[in-house]
Amino acid sequence: MTLKKIPIAVMDVGADAAQCLRAVVEAYTEYKIVAEQEQTKRREIEKWEKEAITSIQSQRDIIIKYLERSFDERSETFRILFGIVDQAMRDGNNEQLGTALDSITKIAQSSPFKDLADLASVRASLDAPEHEWTF
């Protein structure tokens, strides 16, 4: 078995060299355009990232303040109710004792996170321009 050599025209010296150079310049120009577009996209993504992080941190701060106040209020309410329980036990007032213990149980069963969900729905309603308010 013998191998045949197939002639392949690689390029002519004159016109094809100029065409090759033109192709290289065009490819480089296209590369620079694409690189600039991608750089712009990266800057836009970084800007969006900073805005999103700022928004998340702001919402986080609001939630933390809400929870701190909510737990402070609950703590104060529990302190008052346990004071009422102590007084009712000293006075032998079973009706007041039962009412205070019932209130303590209801507050303990409720979650401040439930109110937070309600706040989130109110916030969503405020942000929605198509929301219709009924009174």
N, C-alpha and C. Protein backbone atom coordinates (compact mmCIF):
# COMPACT_ATOMS: atom_id res chain seq x y z
N MET A 1 0.84 -1.16 0.00
CA MET A 1 0.00 0.00 0.00
C MET A 1 0.89 1.23 0.00
N THR A 2 0.60 2.12 -0.88
CA THR A 2 1.39 3.34 -0.98
C THR A 2 0.53 4.53 -0.62
N LEU A 3 1.16 5.49 -0.03
CA LEU A 3 0.45 6.71 0.36
C LEU A 3 0.56 7.73 -0.74
N LYS A 4 -0.55 8.39 -0.98
CA LYS A 4 -0.55 9.45 -1.97
C LYS A 4 -0.45 10.78 -1.25
N LYS A 5 0.34 11.62 -1.74
CA LYS A 5 0.43 12.96 -1.20
C LYS A 5 -0.59 13.82 -1.92
N ILE A 6 -1.41 14.48 -1.12
CA ILE A 6 -2.42 15.37 -1.70
C ILE A 6 -1.93 16.79 -1.51
N PRO A 7 -1.80 17.50 -2.60
CA PRO A 7 -1.33 18.88 -2.47
C PRO A 7 -2.42 19.76 -1.85
N ILE A 8 -2.05 20.54 -0.89
CA ILE A 8 -2.98 21.47 -0.23
C ILE A 8 -2.42 22.86 -0.39
N ALA A 9 -3.25 23.74 -0.87
CA ALA A 9 -2.82 25.13 -1.02
C ALA A 9 -2.96 25.80 0.34
N VAL A 10 -1.85 26.16 0.92
CA VAL A 10 -1.88 26.80 2.23
C VAL A 10 -2.20 28.26 2.07
N MET A 11 -1.42 28.96 1.34
CA MET A 11 -1.73 30.34 1.02
C MET A 11 -0.77 30.83 -0.04
N ASP A 12 -1.31 31.71 -0.80
CA ASP A 12 -0.44 32.36 -1.77
C ASP A 12 0.29 33.46 -1.03
N VAL A 13 1.46 33.74 -1.47
CA VAL A 13 2.32 34.66 -0.75
C VAL A 13 1.77 36.07 -0.71
N GLY A 14 1.22 36.61 -1.75
CA GLY A 14 0.85 38.02 -1.80
C GLY A 14 -0.49 38.35 -1.18
N ALA A 15 -1.55 37.99 -1.86
CA ALA A 15 -2.90 38.39 -1.47
C ALA A 15 -3.33 37.71 -0.18
N ASP A 16 -2.99 36.46 -0.01
CA ASP A 16 -3.44 35.73 1.16
C ASP A 16 -2.75 36.21 2.44
N ALA A 17 -1.55 36.70 2.34
CA ALA A 17 -0.88 37.24 3.53
C ALA A 17 -1.62 38.46 4.04
N ALA A 18 -2.06 39.31 3.13
CA ALA A 18 -2.83 40.49 3.52
C ALA A 18 -4.18 40.08 4.09
N GLN A 19 -4.78 39.07 3.47
CA GLN A 19 -6.07 38.57 3.95
C GLN A 19 -5.91 37.95 5.34
N CYS A 20 -4.84 37.24 5.54
CA CYS A 20 -4.55 36.63 6.84
C CYS A 20 -4.35 37.70 7.90
N LEU A 21 -3.61 38.74 7.56
CA LEU A 21 -3.38 39.84 8.50
C LEU A 21 -4.69 40.53 8.84
N ARG A 22 -5.53 40.73 7.82
CA ARG A 22 -6.84 41.35 8.03
C ARG A 22 -7.68 40.50 8.97
N ALA A 23 -7.65 39.18 8.79
CA ALA A 23 -8.41 38.26 9.65
C ALA A 23 -7.92 38.33 11.09
N VAL A 24 -6.60 38.43 11.26
CA VAL A 24 -6.04 38.54 12.62
C VAL A 24 -6.49 39.85 13.26
N VAL A 25 -6.43 40.94 12.50
CA VAL A 25 -6.84 42.25 13.03
C VAL A 25 -8.33 42.24 13.37
N GLU A 26 -9.16 41.66 12.50
CA GLU A 26 -10.59 41.57 12.77
C GLU A 26 -10.87 40.73 14.01
N ALA A 27 -10.17 39.62 14.13
CA ALA A 27 -10.36 38.76 15.30
C ALA A 27 -9.95 39.49 16.57
N TYR A 28 -8.84 40.21 16.51
CA TYR A 28 -8.38 40.97 17.68
C TYR A 28 -9.37 42.08 18.02
N THR A 29 -9.87 42.77 17.00
CA THR A 29 -10.86 43.84 17.23
C THR A 29 -12.12 43.27 17.86
N GLU A 30 -12.59 42.14 17.34
CA GLU A 30 -13.77 41.49 17.91
C GLU A 30 -13.51 41.06 19.35
N TYR A 31 -12.32 40.54 19.60
CA TYR A 31 -11.94 40.15 20.96
C TYR A 31 -12.02 41.35 21.90
N LYS A 32 -11.48 42.50 21.48
CA LYS A 32 -11.48 43.69 22.33
C LYS A 32 -12.91 44.16 22.61
N ILE A 33 -13.77 44.09 21.59
CA ILE A 33 -15.17 44.49 21.78
C ILE A 33 -15.86 43.57 22.78
N VAL A 34 -15.69 42.27 22.59
CA VAL A 34 -16.30 41.29 23.51
C VAL A 34 -15.73 41.46 24.91
N ALA A 35 -14.44 41.67 25.03
CA ALA A 35 -13.81 41.85 26.34
C ALA A 35 -14.39 43.08 27.04
N GLU A 36 -14.59 44.16 26.31
CA GLU A 36 -15.17 45.38 26.89
C GLU A 36 -16.62 45.15 27.31
N GLN A 37 -17.38 44.43 26.48
CA GLN A 37 -18.77 44.12 26.83
C GLN A 37 -18.83 43.28 28.10
N GLU A 38 -17.97 42.30 28.19
CA GLU A 38 -17.95 41.44 29.38
C GLU A 38 -17.50 42.22 30.61
N GLN A 39 -16.56 43.13 30.43
CA GLN A 39 -16.11 43.98 31.54
C GLN A 39 -17.29 44.83 32.03
N THR A 40 -18.06 45.37 31.10
CA THR A 40 -19.24 46.17 31.46
C THR A 40 -20.26 45.31 32.20
N LYS A 41 -20.48 44.10 31.72
CA LYS A 41 -21.41 43.19 32.40
C LYS A 41 -20.93 42.90 33.82
N ARG A 42 -19.63 42.69 34.00
CA ARG A 42 -19.09 42.42 35.34
C ARG A 42 -19.31 43.61 36.25
N ARG A 43 -19.11 44.83 35.72
CA ARG A 43 -19.33 46.02 36.54
C ARG A 43 -20.80 46.14 36.93
N GLU A 44 -21.71 45.83 36.00
CA GLU A 44 -23.14 45.87 36.30
C GLU A 44 -23.50 44.83 37.36
N ILE A 45 -22.92 43.65 37.26
CA ILE A 45 -23.18 42.60 38.25
C ILE A 45 -22.64 43.02 39.61
N GLU A 46 -21.46 43.60 39.65
CA GLU A 46 -20.89 44.08 40.91
C GLU A 46 -21.76 45.17 41.52
N LYS A 47 -22.27 46.07 40.69
CA LYS A 47 -23.16 47.13 41.17
C LYS A 47 -24.43 46.52 41.75
N TRP A 48 -25.03 45.58 41.01
CA TRP A 48 -26.24 44.91 41.49
C TRP A 48 -25.96 44.18 42.80
N GLU A 49 -24.80 43.53 42.88
CA GLU A 49 -24.42 42.79 44.08
C GLU A 49 -24.36 43.73 45.28
N LYS A 50 -23.71 44.89 45.11
CA LYS A 50 -23.60 45.85 46.21
C LYS A 50 -24.98 46.35 46.64
N GLU A 51 -25.85 46.63 45.67
CA GLU A 51 -27.20 47.09 45.99
C GLU A 51 -27.98 46.01 46.73
N ALA A 52 -27.86 44.76 46.27
CA ALA A 52 -28.58 43.66 46.91
C ALA A 52 -28.08 43.44 48.33
N ILE A 53 -26.77 43.50 48.52
CA ILE A 53 -26.21 43.31 49.86
C ILE A 53 -26.66 44.44 50.78
N THR A 54 -26.66 45.67 50.29
CA THR A 54 -27.11 46.81 51.09
C THR A 54 -28.58 46.63 51.48
N SER A 55 -29.40 46.22 50.53
CA SER A 55 -30.82 45.99 50.81
C SER A 55 -31.02 44.88 51.83
N ILE A 56 -30.30 43.79 51.68
CA ILE A 56 -30.41 42.67 52.61
C ILE A 56 -29.97 43.09 54.01
N GLN A 57 -28.87 43.83 54.10
CA GLN A 57 -28.40 44.29 55.41
C GLN A 57 -29.40 45.23 56.05
N SER A 58 -30.02 46.09 55.26
CA SER A 58 -31.02 47.01 55.78
C SER A 58 -32.23 46.23 56.31
N GLN A 59 -32.70 45.26 55.55
CA GLN A 59 -33.82 44.44 55.99
C GLN A 59 -33.45 43.64 57.23
N ARG A 60 -32.23 43.15 57.27
CA ARG A 60 -31.75 42.40 58.44
C ARG A 60 -31.78 43.28 59.68
N ASP A 61 -31.30 44.52 59.55
CA ASP A 61 -31.29 45.44 60.69
C ASP A 61 -32.71 45.73 61.18
N ILE A 62 -33.64 45.91 60.23
CA ILE A 62 -35.03 46.16 60.61
C ILE A 62 -35.61 44.96 61.35
N ILE A 63 -35.35 43.77 60.84
CA ILE A 63 -35.87 42.56 61.48
C ILE A 63 -35.29 42.39 62.88
N ILE A 64 -33.99 42.62 63.01
CA ILE A 64 -33.36 42.48 64.33
C ILE A 64 -33.94 43.49 65.31
N LYS A 65 -34.11 44.74 64.89
CA LYS A 65 -34.71 45.75 65.78
C LYS A 65 -36.13 45.35 66.16
N TYR A 66 -36.90 44.87 65.18
CA TYR A 66 -38.26 44.44 65.46
C TYR A 66 -38.26 43.32 66.50
N LEU A 67 -37.41 42.32 66.28
CA LEU A 67 -37.38 41.19 67.21
C LEU A 67 -36.90 41.62 68.60
N GLU A 68 -35.91 42.51 68.65
CA GLU A 68 -35.45 42.99 69.96
C GLU A 68 -36.58 43.68 70.70
N ARG A 69 -37.30 44.56 70.01
CA ARG A 69 -38.41 45.26 70.65
C ARG A 69 -39.53 44.31 71.02
N SER A 70 -39.81 43.38 70.11
CA SER A 70 -40.87 42.42 70.37
C SER A 70 -40.56 41.58 71.60
N PHE A 71 -39.31 41.10 71.69
CA PHE A 71 -38.95 40.29 72.84
C PHE A 71 -38.86 41.14 74.10
N ASP A 72 -38.46 42.40 73.99
CA ASP A 72 -38.47 43.29 75.15
C ASP A 72 -39.89 43.48 75.66
N GLU A 73 -40.84 43.71 74.72
CA GLU A 73 -42.24 43.86 75.10
C GLU A 73 -42.76 42.59 75.74
N ARG A 74 -42.44 41.46 75.14
CA ARG A 74 -42.89 40.18 75.70
C ARG A 74 -42.30 39.97 77.09
N SER A 75 -41.04 40.29 77.24
CA SER A 75 -40.38 40.14 78.54
C SER A 75 -41.08 40.99 79.60
N GLU A 76 -41.36 42.23 79.24
CA GLU A 76 -42.04 43.13 80.18
C GLU A 76 -43.44 42.61 80.49
N THR A 77 -44.14 42.13 79.48
CA THR A 77 -45.48 41.59 79.70
C THR A 77 -45.43 40.37 80.61
N PHE A 78 -44.48 39.48 80.38
CA PHE A 78 -44.33 38.31 81.26
C PHE A 78 -44.03 38.74 82.69
N ARG A 79 -43.15 39.73 82.84
CA ARG A 79 -42.81 40.21 84.18
C ARG A 79 -44.05 40.72 84.90
N ILE A 80 -44.87 41.51 84.21
CA ILE A 80 -46.09 42.04 84.80
C ILE A 80 -47.06 40.91 85.14
N LEU A 81 -47.26 39.99 84.21
CA LEU A 81 -48.20 38.89 84.44
C LEU A 81 -47.75 37.99 85.59
N PHE A 82 -46.46 37.71 85.69
CA PHE A 82 -45.99 36.90 86.82
C PHE A 82 -46.14 37.66 88.13
N GLY A 83 -46.04 38.97 88.09
CA GLY A 83 -46.33 39.78 89.28
C GLY A 83 -47.78 39.64 89.69
N ILE A 84 -48.67 39.62 88.68
CA ILE A 84 -50.10 39.43 88.96
C ILE A 84 -50.34 38.04 89.53
N VAL A 85 -49.65 37.03 88.99
CA VAL A 85 -49.77 35.66 89.51
C VAL A 85 -49.34 35.62 90.97
N ASP A 86 -48.20 36.23 91.29
CA ASP A 86 -47.73 36.26 92.68
C ASP A 86 -48.74 36.94 93.60
N GLN A 87 -49.28 38.07 93.15
CA GLN A 87 -50.25 38.81 93.95
C GLN A 87 -51.53 37.99 94.13
N ALA A 88 -52.00 37.35 93.06
CA ALA A 88 -53.22 36.53 93.14
C ALA A 88 -53.01 35.35 94.08
N MET A 89 -51.82 34.77 94.09
CA MET A 89 -51.55 33.65 95.00
C MET A 89 -51.51 34.13 96.45
N ARG A 90 -50.93 35.31 96.67
CA ARG A 90 -50.90 35.86 98.04
C ARG A 90 -52.31 36.17 98.53
N ASP A 91 -53.14 36.71 97.61
CA ASP A 91 -54.50 37.11 97.99
C ASP A 91 -55.47 35.93 97.96
N GLY A 92 -55.06 34.82 97.37
CA GLY A 92 -55.95 33.67 97.25
C GLY A 92 -57.03 33.90 96.20
N ASN A 93 -56.77 34.76 95.25
CA ASN A 93 -57.74 35.10 94.20
C ASN A 93 -57.53 34.15 93.02
N ASN A 94 -58.29 33.04 93.04
CA ASN A 94 -58.13 32.01 92.01
C ASN A 94 -58.58 32.48 90.62
N GLU A 95 -59.58 33.36 90.58
CA GLU A 95 -60.06 33.85 89.28
C GLU A 95 -58.98 34.69 88.60
N GLN A 96 -58.38 35.58 89.37
CA GLN A 96 -57.30 36.42 88.82
C GLN A 96 -56.09 35.55 88.46
N LEU A 97 -55.80 34.55 89.29
CA LEU A 97 -54.69 33.64 89.02
C LEU A 97 -54.92 32.90 87.70
N GLY A 98 -56.12 32.38 87.49
CA GLY A 98 -56.45 31.66 86.26
C GLY A 98 -56.35 32.55 85.03
N THR A 99 -56.84 33.78 85.17
CA THR A 99 -56.79 34.72 84.04
C THR A 99 -55.35 35.06 83.69
N ALA A 100 -54.52 35.31 84.70
CA ALA A 100 -53.12 35.66 84.46
C ALA A 100 -52.37 34.48 83.83
N LEU A 101 -52.60 33.26 84.35
CA LEU A 101 -51.93 32.09 83.79
C LEU A 101 -52.39 31.82 82.35
N ASP A 102 -53.68 32.06 82.07
CA ASP A 102 -54.18 31.90 80.71
C ASP A 102 -53.50 32.91 79.77
N SER A 103 -53.34 34.14 80.24
CA SER A 103 -52.67 35.16 79.43
C SER A 103 -51.21 34.79 79.18
N ILE A 104 -50.55 34.28 80.21
CA ILE A 104 -49.14 33.86 80.06
C ILE A 104 -49.04 32.75 79.02
N THR A 105 -49.96 31.79 79.09
CA THR A 105 -49.95 30.67 78.15
C THR A 105 -50.17 31.15 76.71
N LYS A 106 -51.14 32.05 76.53
CA LYS A 106 -51.43 32.56 75.18
C LYS A 106 -50.24 33.33 74.61
N ILE A 107 -49.61 34.14 75.43
CA ILE A 107 -48.45 34.91 74.95
C ILE A 107 -47.29 33.97 74.63
N ALA A 108 -47.10 32.96 75.48
CA ALA A 108 -46.00 32.01 75.25
C ALA A 108 -46.24 31.20 73.97
N GLN A 109 -47.51 30.93 73.65
CA GLN A 109 -47.81 30.15 72.45
C GLN A 109 -47.70 30.99 71.18
N SER A 110 -47.88 32.28 71.31
CA SER A 110 -47.78 33.13 70.12
C SER A 110 -46.32 33.37 69.79
N SER A 111 -46.06 33.60 68.53
CA SER A 111 -44.69 33.80 68.09
C SER A 111 -44.53 35.20 67.52
N PRO A 112 -43.48 35.90 67.90
CA PRO A 112 -43.25 37.21 67.30
C PRO A 112 -42.95 37.10 65.80
N PHE A 113 -42.56 35.92 65.35
CA PHE A 113 -42.29 35.74 63.92
C PHE A 113 -43.59 35.78 63.11
N LYS A 114 -44.71 35.41 63.74
CA LYS A 114 -46.00 35.49 63.06
C LYS A 114 -46.31 36.94 62.72
N ASP A 115 -46.10 37.84 63.67
CA ASP A 115 -46.31 39.26 63.41
C ASP A 115 -45.36 39.77 62.35
N LEU A 116 -44.17 39.22 62.32
CA LEU A 116 -43.19 39.62 61.32
C LEU A 116 -43.67 39.25 59.92
N ALA A 117 -44.31 38.10 59.78
CA ALA A 117 -44.88 37.69 58.49
C ALA A 117 -45.98 38.66 58.08
N ASP A 118 -46.79 39.10 59.07
CA ASP A 118 -47.83 40.08 58.77
C ASP A 118 -47.20 41.39 58.29
N LEU A 119 -46.12 41.80 58.93
CA LEU A 119 -45.42 43.01 58.50
C LEU A 119 -44.89 42.87 57.08
N ALA A 120 -44.40 41.68 56.76
CA ALA A 120 -43.89 41.44 55.41
C ALA A 120 -45.01 41.56 54.38
N SER A 121 -46.20 41.06 54.72
CA SER A 121 -47.31 41.16 53.77
C SER A 121 -47.77 42.60 53.62
N VAL A 122 -47.75 43.37 54.71
CA VAL A 122 -48.09 44.79 54.62
C VAL A 122 -47.06 45.51 53.76
N ARG A 123 -45.79 45.20 53.96
CA ARG A 123 -44.72 45.83 53.16
C ARG A 123 -44.90 45.49 51.68
N ALA A 124 -45.24 44.23 51.39
CA ALA A 124 -45.45 43.83 50.00
C ALA A 124 -46.64 44.58 49.41
N SER A 125 -47.69 44.77 50.20
CA SER A 125 -48.85 45.52 49.72
C SER A 125 -48.50 46.97 49.46
N LEU A 126 -47.70 47.55 50.33
CA LEU A 126 -47.29 48.94 50.14
C LEU A 126 -46.43 49.10 48.89
N ASP A 127 -45.61 48.10 48.60
CA ASP A 127 -44.72 48.16 47.44
C ASP A 127 -45.44 47.86 46.12
N ALA A 128 -46.62 47.24 46.21
CA ALA A 128 -47.36 46.85 45.00
C ALA A 128 -48.27 48.00 44.56
N PRO A 129 -47.97 48.63 43.43
CA PRO A 129 -48.80 49.77 43.01
C PRO A 129 -50.22 49.36 42.61
N GLU A 130 -50.41 48.09 42.24
CA GLU A 130 -51.74 47.65 41.82
C GLU A 130 -52.62 47.22 42.99
N HIS A 131 -52.08 47.22 44.21
CA HIS A 131 -52.84 46.78 45.38
C HIS A 131 -53.97 47.77 45.67
N GLU A 132 -55.17 47.23 45.89
CA GLU A 132 -56.31 48.08 46.21
C GLU A 132 -56.58 47.97 47.70
N TRP A 133 -56.64 49.10 48.35
CA TRP A 133 -56.90 49.14 49.78
C TRP A 133 -58.40 49.30 50.01
N THR A 134 -58.93 48.46 50.87
CA THR A 134 -60.35 48.57 51.22
C THR A 134 -60.45 48.86 52.70
N PHE A 135 -61.35 49.77 53.01
CA PHE A 135 -61.53 50.17 54.42
C PHE A 135 -62.96 49.94 54.84
